[in-house]
Every structure is written in structure tokens, then in C-alpha cells.
Amino acid sequence: MSLFRRRSAATPQGPSAQLVTMLSRPGCHLCDDARAVIVRVTAELGVAFEEVDITTDPELEEEYREQIPVTFVDGRQHDFWRVDERRLRAALA
């Protein structure tokens, strides 16, 4: 089981427990753009954010290398390549 799947399984439950996870890799300019949007939105809404470097987990790298950045909301895949701020806000509303 990959690191990301183990972390997602531990995501808190409940109506207000939200977590945005972004899978990324060093040197990814799309990841930099996505991170800026996610950090802004999660800070404004008080939602937790974590970033996972896929290069530290061979399973994640194999599965997601062509899609990064990949974003998840509460363990469910939300987007890949780009993060649309309105769509992310709607998912967290």
C-alpha cells in the first residue's frame, strides 16, 4: 500500500473534517501554480493541506507521473494538471 493511500485512510471523518492533498514532484511548474491556488483557498477556508512528493514512493510515481499535479479532496481525486479555484472552492463548500 502506498504512502498516500495510508495517509488518506487516516483522514479525519465528519462534516467539517476536510483535507486537500496534492501529489507533486520537485521542479514541476504546474505544481507550483496549483500549490499557489490550493494554499490560498485552504488558508481562506481553514481547510488542511498536505503535499506528497511522488518521487518518494515508487507506486505513486508509477501511477501518477503523467498526471501531476493531482489534487484530492478528502482522499477522492478532484483534479489533475491544473487547479481551478472556483471548482476547488465548490468542492470544499
PDB file of N, CA and C in Angstrom:
ATOM      1  N   MET A   1       0.856  -1.176   0.000  1.00  0.00           N
ATOM      2  CA  MET A   1       0.000   0.000   0.000  1.00  0.00           C
ATOM      3  C   MET A   1       0.903   1.240   0.000  1.00  0.00           C
ATOM      4  N   SER A   2       0.563   2.221  -0.808  1.00  0.00           N
ATOM      5  CA  SER A   2       1.411   3.401  -0.925  1.00  0.00           C
ATOM      6  C   SER A   2       1.238   4.337   0.269  1.00  0.00           C
ATOM      7  N   LEU A   3       2.198   5.220   0.406  1.00  0.00           N
ATOM      8  CA  LEU A   3       2.160   6.220   1.475  1.00  0.00           C
ATOM      9  C   LEU A   3       0.894   7.057   1.384  1.00  0.00           C
ATOM     10  N   PHE A   4       0.525   7.479   0.176  1.00  0.00           N
ATOM     11  CA  PHE A   4      -0.667   8.306   0.019  1.00  0.00           C
ATOM     12  C   PHE A   4      -1.916   7.563   0.461  1.00  0.00           C
ATOM     13  N   ARG A   5      -2.045   6.323   0.071  1.00  0.00           N
ATOM     14  CA  ARG A   5      -3.237   5.562   0.464  1.00  0.00           C
ATOM     15  C   ARG A   5      -3.299   5.381   1.976  1.00  0.00           C
ATOM     16  N   ARG A   6      -2.149   5.174   2.609  1.00  0.00           N
ATOM     17  CA  ARG A   6      -2.141   5.052   4.074  1.00  0.00           C
ATOM     18  C   ARG A   6      -2.563   6.370   4.704  1.00  0.00           C
ATOM     19  N   ARG A   7      -2.059   7.481   4.188  1.00  0.00           N
ATOM     20  CA  ARG A   7      -2.436   8.781   4.745  1.00  0.00           C
ATOM     21  C   ARG A   7      -3.913   9.054   4.546  1.00  0.00           C
ATOM     22  N   SER A   8      -4.438   8.762   3.363  1.00  0.00           N
ATOM     23  CA  SER A   8      -5.842   9.027   3.077  1.00  0.00           C
ATOM     24  C   SER A   8      -6.757   8.224   3.987  1.00  0.00           C
ATOM     25  N   ALA A   9      -6.353   7.018   4.293  1.00  0.00           N
ATOM     26  CA  ALA A   9      -7.169   6.179   5.168  1.00  0.00           C
ATOM     27  C   ALA A   9      -7.281   6.784   6.553  1.00  0.00           C
ATOM     28  N   ALA A  10      -6.325   7.612   6.930  1.00  0.00           N
ATOM     29  CA  ALA A  10      -6.324   8.221   8.255  1.00  0.00           C
ATOM     30  C   ALA A  10      -6.981   9.594   8.271  1.00  0.00           C
ATOM     31  N   THR A  11      -7.566  10.012   7.144  1.00  0.00           N
ATOM     32  CA  THR A  11      -8.209  11.312   7.080  1.00  0.00           C
ATOM     33  C   THR A  11      -9.345  11.377   8.087  1.00  0.00           C
ATOM     34  N   PRO A  12      -9.407  12.441   8.892  1.00  0.00           N
ATOM     35  CA  PRO A  12     -10.484  12.559   9.877  1.00  0.00           C
ATOM     36  C   PRO A  12     -11.852  12.530   9.220  1.00  0.00           C
ATOM     37  N   GLN A  13     -12.820  12.010   9.909  1.00  0.00           N
ATOM     38  CA  GLN A  13     -14.178  11.934   9.393  1.00  0.00           C
ATOM     39  C   GLN A  13     -15.042  13.003  10.057  1.00  0.00           C
ATOM     40  N   GLY A  14     -16.124  13.322   9.419  1.00  0.00           N
ATOM     41  CA  GLY A  14     -17.047  14.293   9.969  1.00  0.00           C
ATOM     42  C   GLY A  14     -17.318  15.394   8.978  1.00  0.00           C
ATOM     43  N   PRO A  15     -18.399  16.141   9.171  1.00  0.00           N
ATOM     44  CA  PRO A  15     -18.810  17.138   8.198  1.00  0.00           C
ATOM     45  C   PRO A  15     -17.804  18.263   8.004  1.00  0.00           C
ATOM     46  N   SER A  16     -17.051  18.622   9.027  1.00  0.00           N
ATOM     47  CA  SER A  16     -16.131  19.739   8.878  1.00  0.00           C
ATOM     48  C   SER A  16     -14.689  19.294   8.672  1.00  0.00           C
ATOM     49  N   ALA A  17     -14.444  17.986   8.702  1.00  0.00           N
ATOM     50  CA  ALA A  17     -13.084  17.485   8.545  1.00  0.00           C
ATOM     51  C   ALA A  17     -12.762  17.391   7.068  1.00  0.00           C
ATOM     52  N   GLN A  18     -11.940  18.320   6.576  1.00  0.00           N
ATOM     53  CA  GLN A  18     -11.569  18.311   5.177  1.00  0.00           C
ATOM     54  C   GLN A  18     -10.064  18.373   5.046  1.00  0.00           C
ATOM     55  N   LEU A  19      -9.579  17.724   3.989  1.00  0.00           N
ATOM     56  CA  LEU A  19      -8.157  17.704   3.705  1.00  0.00           C
ATOM     57  C   LEU A  19      -7.963  17.754   2.199  1.00  0.00           C
ATOM     58  N   VAL A  20      -7.143  18.677   1.746  1.00  0.00           N
ATOM     59  CA  VAL A  20      -6.748  18.735   0.347  1.00  0.00           C
ATOM     60  C   VAL A  20      -5.325  18.187   0.272  1.00  0.00           C
ATOM     61  N   THR A  21      -5.134  17.209  -0.586  1.00  0.00           N
ATOM     62  CA  THR A  21      -3.823  16.615  -0.796  1.00  0.00           C
ATOM     63  C   THR A  21      -3.415  16.868  -2.229  1.00  0.00           C
ATOM     64  N   MET A  22      -2.170  17.278  -2.410  1.00  0.00           N
ATOM     65  CA  MET A  22      -1.643  17.463  -3.755  1.00  0.00           C
ATOM     66  C   MET A  22      -0.445  16.544  -3.940  1.00  0.00           C
ATOM     67  N   LEU A  23      -0.492  15.732  -4.996  1.00  0.00           N
ATOM     68  CA  LEU A  23       0.655  14.931  -5.371  1.00  0.00           C
ATOM     69  C   LEU A  23       1.490  15.771  -6.322  1.00  0.00           C
ATOM     70  N   SER A  24       2.790  15.826  -6.066  1.00  0.00           N
ATOM     71  CA  SER A  24       3.670  16.680  -6.862  1.00  0.00           C
ATOM     72  C   SER A  24       5.029  16.023  -7.020  1.00  0.00           C
ATOM     73  N   ARG A  25       5.913  16.738  -7.700  1.00  0.00           N
ATOM     74  CA  ARG A  25       7.314  16.335  -7.761  1.00  0.00           C
ATOM     75  C   ARG A  25       8.154  17.587  -7.894  1.00  0.00           C
ATOM     76  N   PRO A  26       9.383  17.555  -7.413  1.00  0.00           N
ATOM     77  CA  PRO A  26      10.255  18.723  -7.490  1.00  0.00           C
ATOM     78  C   PRO A  26      10.468  19.171  -8.939  1.00  0.00           C
ATOM     79  N   GLY A  27      10.505  20.498  -9.133  1.00  0.00           N
ATOM     80  CA  GLY A  27      10.764  21.062 -10.450  1.00  0.00           C
ATOM     81  C   GLY A  27       9.560  21.126 -11.368  1.00  0.00           C
ATOM     82  N   CYS A  28       8.391  20.840 -10.864  1.00  0.00           N
ATOM     83  CA  CYS A  28       7.157  20.832 -11.668  1.00  0.00           C
ATOM     84  C   CYS A  28       6.513  22.215 -11.617  1.00  0.00           C
ATOM     85  N   HIS A  29       6.530  22.935 -12.752  1.00  0.00           N
ATOM     86  CA  HIS A  29       5.951  24.284 -12.757  1.00  0.00           C
ATOM     87  C   HIS A  29       4.435  24.271 -12.599  1.00  0.00           C
ATOM     88  N   LEU A  30       3.773  23.243 -13.103  1.00  0.00           N
ATOM     89  CA  LEU A  30       2.327  23.144 -12.892  1.00  0.00           C
ATOM     90  C   LEU A  30       2.014  22.930 -11.416  1.00  0.00           C
ATOM     91  N   CYS A  31       2.901  22.221 -10.723  1.00  0.00           N
ATOM     92  CA  CYS A  31       2.731  22.006  -9.283  1.00  0.00           C
ATOM     93  C   CYS A  31       2.846  23.334  -8.535  1.00  0.00           C
ATOM     94  N   ASP A  32       3.784  24.172  -8.954  1.00  0.00           N
ATOM     95  CA  ASP A  32       3.934  25.486  -8.322  1.00  0.00           C
ATOM     96  C   ASP A  32       2.661  26.310  -8.482  1.00  0.00           C
ATOM     97  N   ASP A  33       2.090  26.290  -9.688  1.00  0.00           N
ATOM     98  CA  ASP A  33       0.846  27.037  -9.944  1.00  0.00           C
ATOM     99  C   ASP A  33      -0.309  26.485  -9.109  1.00  0.00           C
ATOM    100  N   ALA A  34      -0.439  25.162  -9.090  1.00  0.00           N
ATOM    101  CA  ALA A  34      -1.521  24.523  -8.333  1.00  0.00           C
ATOM    102  C   ALA A  34      -1.371  24.790  -6.843  1.00  0.00           C
ATOM    103  N   ARG A  35      -0.147  24.701  -6.342  1.00  0.00           N
ATOM    104  CA  ARG A  35       0.114  24.933  -4.920  1.00  0.00           C
ATOM    105  C   ARG A  35      -0.333  26.334  -4.505  1.00  0.00           C
ATOM    106  N   ALA A  36      -0.056  27.327  -5.327  1.00  0.00           N
ATOM    107  CA  ALA A  36      -0.439  28.708  -5.001  1.00  0.00           C
ATOM    108  C   ALA A  36      -1.950  28.820  -4.834  1.00  0.00           C
ATOM    109  N   VAL A  37      -2.704  28.203  -5.716  1.00  0.00           N
ATOM    110  CA  VAL A  37      -4.176  28.240  -5.630  1.00  0.00           C
ATOM    111  C   VAL A  37      -4.645  27.490  -4.386  1.00  0.00           C
ATOM    112  N   ILE A  38      -4.117  26.295  -4.177  1.00  0.00           N
ATOM    113  CA  ILE A  38      -4.552  25.470  -3.050  1.00  0.00           C
ATOM    114  C   ILE A  38      -4.230  26.140  -1.719  1.00  0.00           C
ATOM    115  N   VAL A  39      -3.035  26.688  -1.592  1.00  0.00           N
ATOM    116  CA  VAL A  39      -2.643  27.349  -0.344  1.00  0.00           C
ATOM    117  C   VAL A  39      -3.569  28.533  -0.059  1.00  0.00           C
ATOM    118  N   ARG A  40      -3.855  29.321  -1.076  1.00  0.00           N
ATOM    119  CA  ARG A  40      -4.739  30.478  -0.894  1.00  0.00           C
ATOM    120  C   ARG A  40      -6.140  30.037  -0.451  1.00  0.00           C
ATOM    121  N   VAL A  41      -6.713  29.079  -1.169  1.00  0.00           N
ATOM    122  CA  VAL A  41      -8.086  28.639  -0.880  1.00  0.00           C
ATOM    123  C   VAL A  41      -8.173  27.948   0.480  1.00  0.00           C
ATOM    124  N   THR A  42      -7.260  27.040   0.768  1.00  0.00           N
ATOM    125  CA  THR A  42      -7.331  26.323   2.047  1.00  0.00           C
ATOM    126  C   THR A  42      -7.098  27.259   3.228  1.00  0.00           C
ATOM    127  N   ALA A  43      -6.231  28.246   3.059  1.00  0.00           N
ATOM    128  CA  ALA A  43      -5.996  29.210   4.143  1.00  0.00           C
ATOM    129  C   ALA A  43      -7.256  30.035   4.399  1.00  0.00           C
ATOM    130  N   GLU A  44      -7.900  30.470   3.340  1.00  0.00           N
ATOM    131  CA  GLU A  44      -9.123  31.275   3.498  1.00  0.00           C
ATOM    132  C   GLU A  44     -10.252  30.479   4.134  1.00  0.00           C
ATOM    133  N   LEU A  45     -10.344  29.189   3.796  1.00  0.00           N
ATOM    134  CA  LEU A  45     -11.454  28.367   4.276  1.00  0.00           C
ATOM    135  C   LEU A  45     -11.123  27.575   5.544  1.00  0.00           C
ATOM    136  N   GLY A  46      -9.878  27.629   5.989  1.00  0.00           N
ATOM    137  CA  GLY A  46      -9.495  26.888   7.181  1.00  0.00           C
ATOM    138  C   GLY A  46      -9.455  25.390   6.974  1.00  0.00           C
ATOM    139  N   VAL A  47      -9.070  24.963   5.776  1.00  0.00           N
ATOM    140  CA  VAL A  47      -9.015  23.551   5.417  1.00  0.00           C
ATOM    141  C   VAL A  47      -7.555  23.099   5.444  1.00  0.00           C
ATOM    142  N   ALA A  48      -7.314  21.879   5.902  1.00  0.00           N
ATOM    143  CA  ALA A  48      -5.958  21.334   5.956  1.00  0.00           C
ATOM    144  C   ALA A  48      -5.446  21.027   4.547  1.00  0.00           C
ATOM    145  N   PHE A  49      -4.143  21.211   4.365  1.00  0.00           N
ATOM    146  CA  PHE A  49      -3.493  20.930   3.083  1.00  0.00           C
ATOM    147  C   PHE A  49      -2.213  20.158   3.335  1.00  0.00           C
ATOM    148  N   GLU A  50      -2.004  19.114   2.539  1.00  0.00           N
ATOM    149  CA  GLU A  50      -0.747  18.379   2.583  1.00  0.00           C
ATOM    150  C   GLU A  50      -0.274  18.157   1.155  1.00  0.00           C
ATOM    151  N   GLU A  51       1.043  18.082   1.011  1.00  0.00           N
ATOM    152  CA  GLU A  51       1.635  17.826  -0.290  1.00  0.00           C
ATOM    153  C   GLU A  51       2.482  16.572  -0.181  1.00  0.00           C
ATOM    154  N   VAL A  52       2.357  15.695  -1.172  1.00  0.00           N
ATOM    155  CA  VAL A  52       3.100  14.438  -1.185  1.00  0.00           C
ATOM    156  C   VAL A  52       3.954  14.408  -2.453  1.00  0.00           C
ATOM    157  N   ASP A  53       5.258  14.242  -2.267  1.00  0.00           N
ATOM    158  CA  ASP A  53       6.212  14.141  -3.370  1.00  0.00           C
ATOM    159  C   ASP A  53       6.182  12.715  -3.902  1.00  0.00           C
ATOM    160  N   ILE A  54       5.720  12.535  -5.140  1.00  0.00           N
ATOM    161  CA  ILE A  54       5.583  11.179  -5.683  1.00  0.00           C
ATOM    162  C   ILE A  54       6.926  10.497  -5.901  1.00  0.00           C
ATOM    163  N   THR A  55       8.012  11.267  -5.948  1.00  0.00           N
ATOM    164  CA  THR A  55       9.320  10.645  -6.171  1.00  0.00           C
ATOM    165  C   THR A  55       9.802   9.870  -4.946  1.00  0.00           C
ATOM    166  N   THR A  56       9.118  10.017  -3.831  1.00  0.00           N
ATOM    167  CA  THR A  56       9.494   9.288  -2.616  1.00  0.00           C
ATOM    168  C   THR A  56       8.761   7.955  -2.489  1.00  0.00           C
ATOM    169  N   ASP A  57       7.870   7.663  -3.439  1.00  0.00           N
ATOM    170  CA  ASP A  57       7.075   6.439  -3.380  1.00  0.00           C
ATOM    171  C   ASP A  57       6.951   5.867  -4.792  1.00  0.00           C
ATOM    172  N   PRO A  58       7.606   4.736  -5.073  1.00  0.00           N
ATOM    173  CA  PRO A  58       7.580   4.160  -6.428  1.00  0.00           C
ATOM    174  C   PRO A  58       6.167   3.868  -6.949  1.00  0.00           C
ATOM    175  N   GLU A  59       5.262   3.447  -6.072  1.00  0.00           N
ATOM    176  CA  GLU A  59       3.882   3.174  -6.502  1.00  0.00           C
ATOM    177  C   GLU A  59       3.183   4.449  -6.960  1.00  0.00           C
ATOM    178  N   LEU A  60       3.345   5.516  -6.192  1.00  0.00           N
ATOM    179  CA  LEU A  60       2.735   6.790  -6.575  1.00  0.00           C
ATOM    180  C   LEU A  60       3.335   7.313  -7.867  1.00  0.00           C
ATOM    181  N   GLU A  61       4.638   7.205  -7.997  1.00  0.00           N
ATOM    182  CA  GLU A  61       5.291   7.697  -9.205  1.00  0.00           C
ATOM    183  C   GLU A  61       4.799   6.931 -10.434  1.00  0.00           C
ATOM    184  N   GLU A  62       4.690   5.637 -10.316  1.00  0.00           N
ATOM    185  CA  GLU A  62       4.204   4.822 -11.436  1.00  0.00           C
ATOM    186  C   GLU A  62       2.766   5.202 -11.812  1.00  0.00           C
ATOM    187  N   GLU A  63       1.930   5.371 -10.820  1.00  0.00           N
ATOM    188  CA  GLU A  63       0.508   5.631 -11.078  1.00  0.00           C
ATOM    189  C   GLU A  63       0.216   7.054 -11.550  1.00  0.00           C
ATOM    190  N   TYR A  64       0.935   8.037 -11.015  1.00  0.00           N
ATOM    191  CA  TYR A  64       0.556   9.433 -11.255  1.00  0.00           C
ATOM    192  C   TYR A  64       1.566  10.272 -12.036  1.00  0.00           C
ATOM    193  N   ARG A  65       2.685   9.703 -12.467  1.00  0.00           N
ATOM    194  CA  ARG A  65       3.753  10.525 -13.063  1.00  0.00           C
ATOM    195  C   ARG A  65       3.295  11.389 -14.217  1.00  0.00           C
ATOM    196  N   GLU A  66       2.352  10.940 -15.020  1.00  0.00           N
ATOM    197  CA  GLU A  66       1.893  11.709 -16.191  1.00  0.00           C
ATOM    198  C   GLU A  66       0.744  12.666 -15.864  1.00  0.00           C
ATOM    199  N   GLN A  67       0.268  12.668 -14.643  1.00  0.00           N
ATOM    200  CA  GLN A  67      -0.898  13.483 -14.293  1.00  0.00           C
ATOM    201  C   GLN A  67      -0.596  14.629 -13.338  1.00  0.00           C
ATOM    202  N   ILE A  68       0.589  14.679 -12.736  1.00  0.00           N
ATOM    203  CA  ILE A  68       0.822  15.653 -11.681  1.00  0.00           C
ATOM    204  C   ILE A  68       0.786  17.080 -12.202  1.00  0.00           C
ATOM    205  N   PRO A  69       0.376  17.992 -11.359  1.00  0.00           N
ATOM    206  CA  PRO A  69      -0.095  17.747 -10.006  1.00  0.00           C
ATOM    207  C   PRO A  69      -1.485  17.109 -10.011  1.00  0.00           C
ATOM    208  N   VAL A  70      -1.709  16.264  -9.042  1.00  0.00           N
ATOM    209  CA  VAL A  70      -3.015  15.632  -8.854  1.00  0.00           C
ATOM    210  C   VAL A  70      -3.522  16.095  -7.498  1.00  0.00           C
ATOM    211  N   THR A  71      -4.760  16.558  -7.466  1.00  0.00           N
ATOM    212  CA  THR A  71      -5.328  17.000  -6.194  1.00  0.00           C
ATOM    213  C   THR A  71      -6.457  16.071  -5.770  1.00  0.00           C
ATOM    214  N   PHE A  72      -6.529  15.899  -4.463  1.00  0.00           N
ATOM    215  CA  PHE A  72      -7.559  15.066  -3.839  1.00  0.00           C
ATOM    216  C   PHE A  72      -8.237  15.892  -2.758  1.00  0.00           C
ATOM    217  N   VAL A  73      -9.534  15.724  -2.617  1.00  0.00           N
ATOM    218  CA  VAL A  73     -10.283  16.324  -1.521  1.00  0.00           C
ATOM    219  C   VAL A  73     -10.817  15.163  -0.699  1.00  0.00           C
ATOM    220  N   ASP A  74     -10.372  15.107   0.540  1.00  0.00           N
ATOM    221  CA  ASP A  74     -10.755  14.024   1.451  1.00  0.00           C
ATOM    222  C   ASP A  74     -10.523  12.643   0.838  1.00  0.00           C
ATOM    223  N   GLY A  75      -9.376  12.495   0.171  1.00  0.00           N
ATOM    224  CA  GLY A  75      -8.994  11.197  -0.363  1.00  0.00           C
ATOM    225  C   GLY A  75      -9.580  10.838  -1.706  1.00  0.00           C
ATOM    226  N   ARG A  76     -10.448  11.679  -2.245  1.00  0.00           N
ATOM    227  CA  ARG A  76     -11.048  11.420  -3.555  1.00  0.00           C
ATOM    228  C   ARG A  76     -10.403  12.339  -4.585  1.00  0.00           C
ATOM    229  N   GLN A  77     -10.014  11.754  -5.734  1.00  0.00           N
ATOM    230  CA  GLN A  77      -9.361  12.571  -6.749  1.00  0.00           C
ATOM    231  C   GLN A  77     -10.289  13.680  -7.216  1.00  0.00           C
ATOM    232  N   HIS A  78      -9.749  14.882  -7.244  1.00  0.00           N
ATOM    233  CA  HIS A  78     -10.514  16.069  -7.608  1.00  0.00           C
ATOM    234  C   HIS A  78     -10.091  16.601  -8.978  1.00  0.00           C
ATOM    235  N   ASP A  79      -8.810  16.772  -9.201  1.00  0.00           N
ATOM    236  CA  ASP A  79      -8.288  17.359 -10.430  1.00  0.00           C
ATOM    237  C   ASP A  79      -6.905  16.814 -10.736  1.00  0.00           C
ATOM    238  N   PHE A  80      -6.438  17.092 -11.948  1.00  0.00           N
ATOM    239  CA  PHE A  80      -5.044  16.844 -12.290  1.00  0.00           C
ATOM    240  C   PHE A  80      -4.610  17.891 -13.299  1.00  0.00           C
ATOM    241  N   TRP A  81      -3.311  18.121 -13.370  1.00  0.00           N
ATOM    242  CA  TRP A  81      -2.621  19.111 -14.192  1.00  0.00           C
ATOM    243  C   TRP A  81      -2.847  20.546 -13.732  1.00  0.00           C
ATOM    244  N   ARG A  82      -4.059  20.963 -13.575  1.00  0.00           N
ATOM    245  CA  ARG A  82      -4.341  22.336 -13.156  1.00  0.00           C
ATOM    246  C   ARG A  82      -5.422  22.324 -12.065  1.00  0.00           C
ATOM    247  N   VAL A  83      -5.416  23.374 -11.247  1.00  0.00           N
ATOM    248  CA  VAL A  83      -6.435  23.503 -10.210  1.00  0.00           C
ATOM    249  C   VAL A  83      -7.276  24.728 -10.533  1.00  0.00           C
ATOM    250  N   ASP A  84      -8.556  24.506 -10.734  1.00  0.00           N
ATOM    251  CA  ASP A  84      -9.491  25.596 -10.970  1.00  0.00           C
ATOM    252  C   ASP A  84      -9.983  26.072  -9.605  1.00  0.00           C
ATOM    253  N   GLU A  85      -9.717  27.325  -9.296  1.00  0.00           N
ATOM    254  CA  GLU A  85     -10.047  27.847  -7.969  1.00  0.00           C
ATOM    255  C   GLU A  85     -11.535  27.750  -7.662  1.00  0.00           C
ATOM    256  N   ARG A  86     -12.401  28.094  -8.604  1.00  0.00           N
ATOM    257  CA  ARG A  86     -13.853  28.024  -8.348  1.00  0.00           C
ATOM    258  C   ARG A  86     -14.298  26.592  -8.092  1.00  0.00           C
ATOM    259  N   ARG A  87     -13.752  25.666  -8.856  1.00  0.00           N
ATOM    260  CA  ARG A  87     -14.126  24.254  -8.694  1.00  0.00           C
ATOM    261  C   ARG A  87     -13.649  23.728  -7.331  1.00  0.00           C
ATOM    262  N   LEU A  88     -12.449  24.119  -6.922  1.00  0.00           N
ATOM    263  CA  LEU A  88     -11.942  23.694  -5.612  1.00  0.00           C
ATOM    264  C   LEU A  88     -12.789  24.270  -4.485  1.00  0.00           C
ATOM    265  N   ARG A  89     -13.113  25.550  -4.579  1.00  0.00           N
ATOM    266  CA  ARG A  89     -13.970  26.174  -3.556  1.00  0.00           C
ATOM    267  C   ARG A  89     -15.318  25.452  -3.464  1.00  0.00           C
ATOM    268  N   ALA A  90     -15.897  25.110  -4.615  1.00  0.00           N
ATOM    269  CA  ALA A  90     -17.184  24.416  -4.621  1.00  0.00           C
ATOM    270  C   ALA A  90     -17.070  23.048  -3.956  1.00  0.00           C
ATOM    271  N   ALA A  91     -15.975  22.358  -4.196  1.00  0.00           N
ATOM    272  CA  ALA A  91     -15.782  21.025  -3.599  1.00  0.00           C
ATOM    273  C   ALA A  91     -15.621  21.126  -2.083  1.00  0.00           C
ATOM    274  N   LEU A  92     -15.119  22.260  -1.608  1.00  0.00           N
ATOM    275  CA  LEU A  92     -14.892  22.434  -0.172  1.00  0.00           C
ATOM    276  C   LEU A  92     -16.053  23.122   0.531  1.00  0.00           C
ATOM    277  N   ALA A  93     -17.058  23.549  -0.226  1.00  0.00           N
ATOM    278  CA  ALA A  93     -18.208  24.270   0.370  1.00  0.00           C
ATOM    279  C   ALA A  93     -19.110  23.317   1.117  1.00  0.00           C
TER     280      ALA A  93
END
